[in-house]
Amino acid sequence: MDLDYSEIGRRIAKRRKQLNLKQSIVEERADIGYKYLSSIERGFSIPSTEVIMRLAKALDTTPDEFLVGTSRVQDEEWKNVAQYLQTMNPKQLETARSFLRWLSEQDM
């Protein structure tokens, strides 16, 4: 699955606007640099998995809303998994992402 970073940026902007939040507020909540969110929303910057997680938390949603366009905010199991991911360092997140990609390809 190839990710369309311009579309991811549009989804992040849409969610931010739904919540009537300024970019600077979201940047502060997600602990990302000044003007970085603007660059992501316009598709100029490719956010890391960690930044996607921080933005999802700052915008009270789950990363899948940005990555695939659907949200599972109501799903408690998803929230439980997301809580584990939020505590991981970048190396752990990369390992988790690789495992999840492999898992999604399995016929179960």
N, C-alpha and C. Protein backbone atom coordinates (compact mmCIF):
# COMPACT_ATOMS: atom_id res chain seq x y z
N MET A 1 0.84 -1.18 0.00
CA MET A 1 0.00 0.00 0.00
C MET A 1 0.89 1.24 0.00
N ASP A 2 0.74 2.06 -1.01
CA ASP A 2 1.47 3.32 -1.08
C ASP A 2 0.67 4.40 -0.39
N LEU A 3 1.35 5.22 0.40
CA LEU A 3 0.68 6.29 1.11
C LEU A 3 0.72 7.57 0.28
N ASP A 4 -0.40 8.26 0.21
CA ASP A 4 -0.50 9.54 -0.48
C ASP A 4 -0.37 10.62 0.58
N TYR A 5 0.82 11.19 0.71
CA TYR A 5 1.08 12.14 1.78
C TYR A 5 0.32 13.45 1.61
N SER A 6 -0.04 13.80 0.39
CA SER A 6 -0.88 14.99 0.19
C SER A 6 -2.27 14.74 0.77
N GLU A 7 -2.78 13.52 0.55
CA GLU A 7 -4.10 13.18 1.10
C GLU A 7 -4.05 13.08 2.62
N ILE A 8 -2.99 12.53 3.15
CA ILE A 8 -2.82 12.46 4.61
C ILE A 8 -2.84 13.88 5.18
N GLY A 9 -2.12 14.78 4.55
CA GLY A 9 -2.10 16.17 4.99
C GLY A 9 -3.48 16.80 4.95
N ARG A 10 -4.24 16.53 3.89
CA ARG A 10 -5.61 17.06 3.79
C ARG A 10 -6.50 16.52 4.90
N ARG A 11 -6.32 15.25 5.23
CA ARG A 11 -7.13 14.64 6.30
C ARG A 11 -6.79 15.25 7.66
N ILE A 12 -5.52 15.50 7.89
CA ILE A 12 -5.09 16.14 9.14
C ILE A 12 -5.70 17.54 9.22
N ALA A 13 -5.61 18.30 8.13
CA ALA A 13 -6.17 19.65 8.10
C ALA A 13 -7.68 19.63 8.33
N LYS A 14 -8.35 18.67 7.71
CA LYS A 14 -9.80 18.56 7.87
C LYS A 14 -10.17 18.31 9.33
N ARG A 15 -9.46 17.40 9.97
CA ARG A 15 -9.75 17.10 11.38
C ARG A 15 -9.46 18.32 12.26
N ARG A 16 -8.37 18.99 12.00
CA ARG A 16 -8.03 20.19 12.78
C ARG A 16 -9.11 21.25 12.64
N LYS A 17 -9.58 21.44 11.42
CA LYS A 17 -10.63 22.44 11.17
C LYS A 17 -11.96 22.03 11.79
N GLN A 18 -12.25 20.72 11.82
CA GLN A 18 -13.47 20.25 12.49
C GLN A 18 -13.47 20.64 13.96
N LEU A 19 -12.29 20.64 14.55
CA LEU A 19 -12.15 20.98 15.96
C LEU A 19 -11.91 22.48 16.18
N ASN A 20 -11.91 23.25 15.10
CA ASN A 20 -11.68 24.69 15.16
C ASN A 20 -10.37 25.04 15.88
N LEU A 21 -9.31 24.33 15.53
CA LEU A 21 -8.01 24.57 16.15
C LEU A 21 -7.05 25.22 15.16
N LYS A 22 -6.27 26.14 15.66
CA LYS A 22 -5.21 26.75 14.85
C LYS A 22 -4.03 25.80 14.77
N GLN A 23 -3.27 25.93 13.70
CA GLN A 23 -2.10 25.09 13.53
C GLN A 23 -1.15 25.20 14.70
N SER A 24 -0.95 26.40 15.20
CA SER A 24 0.00 26.60 16.30
C SER A 24 -0.41 25.84 17.56
N ILE A 25 -1.70 25.74 17.81
CA ILE A 25 -2.20 25.00 18.98
C ILE A 25 -1.91 23.51 18.81
N VAL A 26 -2.19 22.99 17.63
CA VAL A 26 -1.95 21.56 17.36
C VAL A 26 -0.46 21.26 17.41
N GLU A 27 0.36 22.15 16.87
CA GLU A 27 1.82 21.96 16.93
C GLU A 27 2.29 21.89 18.37
N GLU A 28 1.74 22.74 19.20
CA GLU A 28 2.12 22.72 20.61
C GLU A 28 1.66 21.43 21.28
N ARG A 29 0.42 21.03 21.05
CA ARG A 29 -0.11 19.79 21.65
C ARG A 29 0.68 18.57 21.20
N ALA A 30 1.07 18.55 19.93
CA ALA A 30 1.78 17.40 19.37
C ALA A 30 3.29 17.50 19.56
N ASP A 31 3.76 18.61 20.13
CA ASP A 31 5.17 18.84 20.37
C ASP A 31 5.98 18.71 19.08
N ILE A 32 5.50 19.42 18.04
CA ILE A 32 6.23 19.47 16.78
C ILE A 32 6.61 20.91 16.49
N GLY A 33 7.54 21.10 15.60
CA GLY A 33 8.10 22.41 15.32
C GLY A 33 7.14 23.40 14.67
N TYR A 34 7.46 24.65 14.82
CA TYR A 34 6.72 25.76 14.24
C TYR A 34 6.67 25.63 12.72
N LYS A 35 5.49 25.73 12.16
CA LYS A 35 5.22 25.64 10.71
C LYS A 35 5.36 24.22 10.14
N TYR A 36 5.72 23.25 10.98
CA TYR A 36 5.83 21.87 10.48
C TYR A 36 4.46 21.33 10.09
N LEU A 37 3.43 21.64 10.88
CA LEU A 37 2.08 21.16 10.57
C LEU A 37 1.62 21.73 9.23
N SER A 38 1.89 22.99 8.97
CA SER A 38 1.52 23.60 7.70
C SER A 38 2.15 22.83 6.54
N SER A 39 3.40 22.48 6.70
CA SER A 39 4.13 21.75 5.67
C SER A 39 3.54 20.35 5.47
N ILE A 40 3.13 19.70 6.55
CA ILE A 40 2.50 18.37 6.46
C ILE A 40 1.15 18.49 5.77
N GLU A 41 0.34 19.46 6.20
CA GLU A 41 -1.01 19.62 5.66
C GLU A 41 -0.98 19.91 4.16
N ARG A 42 0.06 20.58 3.68
CA ARG A 42 0.17 20.89 2.25
C ARG A 42 0.87 19.79 1.46
N GLY A 43 1.29 18.72 2.15
CA GLY A 43 1.93 17.60 1.48
C GLY A 43 3.38 17.82 1.13
N PHE A 44 4.01 18.84 1.73
CA PHE A 44 5.41 19.13 1.46
C PHE A 44 6.34 18.33 2.35
N SER A 45 5.89 17.93 3.52
CA SER A 45 6.70 17.14 4.45
C SER A 45 6.03 15.80 4.69
N ILE A 46 6.86 14.78 4.86
CA ILE A 46 6.37 13.43 5.14
C ILE A 46 6.54 13.18 6.63
N PRO A 47 5.43 13.08 7.37
CA PRO A 47 5.54 12.88 8.82
C PRO A 47 5.95 11.45 9.16
N SER A 48 6.73 11.31 10.21
CA SER A 48 7.11 9.99 10.69
C SER A 48 5.92 9.33 11.38
N THR A 49 6.05 8.06 11.66
CA THR A 49 5.00 7.34 12.39
C THR A 49 4.76 8.00 13.74
N GLU A 50 5.84 8.41 14.38
CA GLU A 50 5.72 9.06 15.69
C GLU A 50 4.93 10.36 15.58
N VAL A 51 5.18 11.16 14.56
CA VAL A 51 4.46 12.42 14.39
C VAL A 51 2.99 12.16 14.09
N ILE A 52 2.70 11.16 13.28
CA ILE A 52 1.30 10.79 13.00
C ILE A 52 0.60 10.44 14.32
N MET A 53 1.28 9.67 15.16
CA MET A 53 0.70 9.29 16.45
C MET A 53 0.44 10.53 17.32
N ARG A 54 1.41 11.43 17.37
CA ARG A 54 1.25 12.64 18.18
C ARG A 54 0.11 13.51 17.66
N LEU A 55 0.01 13.63 16.34
CA LEU A 55 -1.07 14.43 15.76
C LEU A 55 -2.43 13.80 16.04
N ALA A 56 -2.50 12.48 15.95
CA ALA A 56 -3.76 11.80 16.24
C ALA A 56 -4.19 12.06 17.68
N LYS A 57 -3.24 11.99 18.59
CA LYS A 57 -3.55 12.26 19.99
C LYS A 57 -3.96 13.72 20.18
N ALA A 58 -3.23 14.64 19.57
CA ALA A 58 -3.53 16.07 19.69
C ALA A 58 -4.90 16.42 19.10
N LEU A 59 -5.31 15.65 18.10
CA LEU A 59 -6.59 15.91 17.43
C LEU A 59 -7.67 14.92 17.84
N ASP A 60 -7.43 14.21 18.94
CA ASP A 60 -8.42 13.31 19.53
C ASP A 60 -9.03 12.33 18.53
N THR A 61 -8.14 11.62 17.84
CA THR A 61 -8.57 10.62 16.89
C THR A 61 -7.53 9.50 16.86
N THR A 62 -7.63 8.63 15.89
CA THR A 62 -6.66 7.56 15.73
C THR A 62 -5.91 7.76 14.42
N PRO A 63 -4.70 7.22 14.31
CA PRO A 63 -3.90 7.43 13.10
C PRO A 63 -4.59 6.96 11.82
N ASP A 64 -5.46 5.98 11.90
CA ASP A 64 -6.09 5.49 10.68
C ASP A 64 -6.97 6.54 10.03
N GLU A 65 -7.47 7.50 10.79
CA GLU A 65 -8.24 8.59 10.17
C GLU A 65 -7.37 9.34 9.17
N PHE A 66 -6.10 9.52 9.49
CA PHE A 66 -5.19 10.23 8.59
C PHE A 66 -4.66 9.31 7.49
N LEU A 67 -4.34 8.07 7.86
CA LEU A 67 -3.69 7.16 6.92
C LEU A 67 -4.64 6.56 5.90
N VAL A 68 -5.85 6.17 6.33
CA VAL A 68 -6.78 5.52 5.40
C VAL A 68 -8.13 6.21 5.30
N GLY A 69 -8.34 7.25 6.07
CA GLY A 69 -9.56 8.03 5.94
C GLY A 69 -10.73 7.57 6.79
N THR A 70 -10.50 6.63 7.71
CA THR A 70 -11.55 6.19 8.61
C THR A 70 -11.05 6.28 10.04
N SER A 71 -11.97 6.48 10.95
CA SER A 71 -11.59 6.61 12.35
C SER A 71 -12.26 5.52 13.17
N ARG A 72 -11.55 5.04 14.15
CA ARG A 72 -12.09 4.02 15.05
C ARG A 72 -12.10 4.56 16.48
N VAL A 73 -12.43 5.81 16.63
CA VAL A 73 -12.38 6.44 17.95
C VAL A 73 -13.25 5.69 18.95
N GLN A 74 -14.33 5.11 18.52
CA GLN A 74 -15.25 4.43 19.43
C GLN A 74 -14.78 3.01 19.79
N ASP A 75 -13.84 2.48 19.08
CA ASP A 75 -13.40 1.10 19.27
C ASP A 75 -12.38 1.02 20.40
N GLU A 76 -12.77 0.46 21.54
CA GLU A 76 -11.89 0.37 22.72
C GLU A 76 -10.64 -0.45 22.46
N GLU A 77 -10.75 -1.52 21.68
CA GLU A 77 -9.56 -2.33 21.39
C GLU A 77 -8.53 -1.51 20.63
N TRP A 78 -8.98 -0.68 19.70
CA TRP A 78 -8.06 0.17 18.95
C TRP A 78 -7.37 1.15 19.88
N LYS A 79 -8.12 1.74 20.79
CA LYS A 79 -7.54 2.69 21.74
C LYS A 79 -6.48 2.01 22.60
N ASN A 80 -6.74 0.77 23.00
CA ASN A 80 -5.78 0.05 23.83
C ASN A 80 -4.46 -0.16 23.07
N VAL A 81 -4.55 -0.53 21.80
CA VAL A 81 -3.35 -0.72 20.99
C VAL A 81 -2.63 0.61 20.80
N ALA A 82 -3.38 1.67 20.54
CA ALA A 82 -2.79 3.00 20.33
C ALA A 82 -2.03 3.46 21.57
N GLN A 83 -2.52 3.12 22.74
CA GLN A 83 -1.84 3.52 23.98
C GLN A 83 -0.45 2.89 24.07
N TYR A 84 -0.34 1.65 23.63
CA TYR A 84 0.99 1.01 23.61
C TYR A 84 1.90 1.73 22.63
N LEU A 85 1.39 2.05 21.45
CA LEU A 85 2.21 2.70 20.44
C LEU A 85 2.69 4.08 20.89
N GLN A 86 1.88 4.78 21.63
CA GLN A 86 2.23 6.14 22.07
C GLN A 86 3.43 6.16 23.01
N THR A 87 3.70 5.04 23.67
CA THR A 87 4.81 5.01 24.63
C THR A 87 6.11 4.50 24.01
N MET A 88 6.08 4.14 22.73
CA MET A 88 7.25 3.54 22.10
C MET A 88 8.22 4.58 21.58
N ASN A 89 9.50 4.21 21.61
CA ASN A 89 10.53 5.06 21.02
C ASN A 89 10.53 4.82 19.50
N PRO A 90 11.24 5.64 18.73
CA PRO A 90 11.22 5.51 17.27
C PRO A 90 11.61 4.13 16.75
N LYS A 91 12.57 3.49 17.36
CA LYS A 91 12.98 2.15 16.91
C LYS A 91 11.85 1.13 17.15
N GLN A 92 11.21 1.22 18.31
CA GLN A 92 10.09 0.33 18.60
C GLN A 92 8.92 0.59 17.65
N LEU A 93 8.65 1.86 17.35
CA LEU A 93 7.57 2.19 16.42
C LEU A 93 7.83 1.62 15.03
N GLU A 94 9.07 1.69 14.57
CA GLU A 94 9.41 1.14 13.26
C GLU A 94 9.22 -0.37 13.25
N THR A 95 9.62 -1.03 14.32
CA THR A 95 9.42 -2.48 14.43
C THR A 95 7.93 -2.81 14.45
N ALA A 96 7.15 -2.05 15.19
CA ALA A 96 5.70 -2.27 15.25
C ALA A 96 5.07 -2.07 13.88
N ARG A 97 5.49 -1.02 13.17
CA ARG A 97 4.95 -0.76 11.84
C ARG A 97 5.27 -1.91 10.89
N SER A 98 6.50 -2.40 10.94
CA SER A 98 6.89 -3.53 10.09
C SER A 98 6.06 -4.77 10.42
N PHE A 99 5.90 -5.04 11.70
CA PHE A 99 5.10 -6.19 12.11
C PHE A 99 3.64 -6.04 11.65
N LEU A 100 3.07 -4.86 11.83
CA LEU A 100 1.67 -4.63 11.43
C LEU A 100 1.50 -4.77 9.92
N ARG A 101 2.48 -4.29 9.16
CA ARG A 101 2.42 -4.45 7.70
C ARG A 101 2.43 -5.94 7.36
N TRP A 102 3.35 -6.70 7.98
CA TRP A 102 3.41 -8.14 7.74
C TRP A 102 2.10 -8.80 8.14
N LEU A 103 1.58 -8.46 9.32
CA LEU A 103 0.35 -9.05 9.82
C LEU A 103 -0.84 -8.78 8.88
N SER A 104 -0.91 -7.58 8.35
CA SER A 104 -2.02 -7.23 7.46
C SER A 104 -1.98 -8.03 6.15
N GLU A 105 -0.82 -8.55 5.81
CA GLU A 105 -0.68 -9.34 4.58
C GLU A 105 -1.00 -10.83 4.79
N GLN A 106 -1.19 -11.23 6.02
CA GLN A 106 -1.46 -12.63 6.33
C GLN A 106 -2.92 -12.98 6.09
N ASP A 107 -3.15 -14.18 5.59
CA ASP A 107 -4.51 -14.66 5.35
C ASP A 107 -4.95 -15.45 6.58
N MET A 108 -5.71 -14.80 7.44
CA MET A 108 -6.13 -15.43 8.71
C MET A 108 -7.61 -15.64 8.73
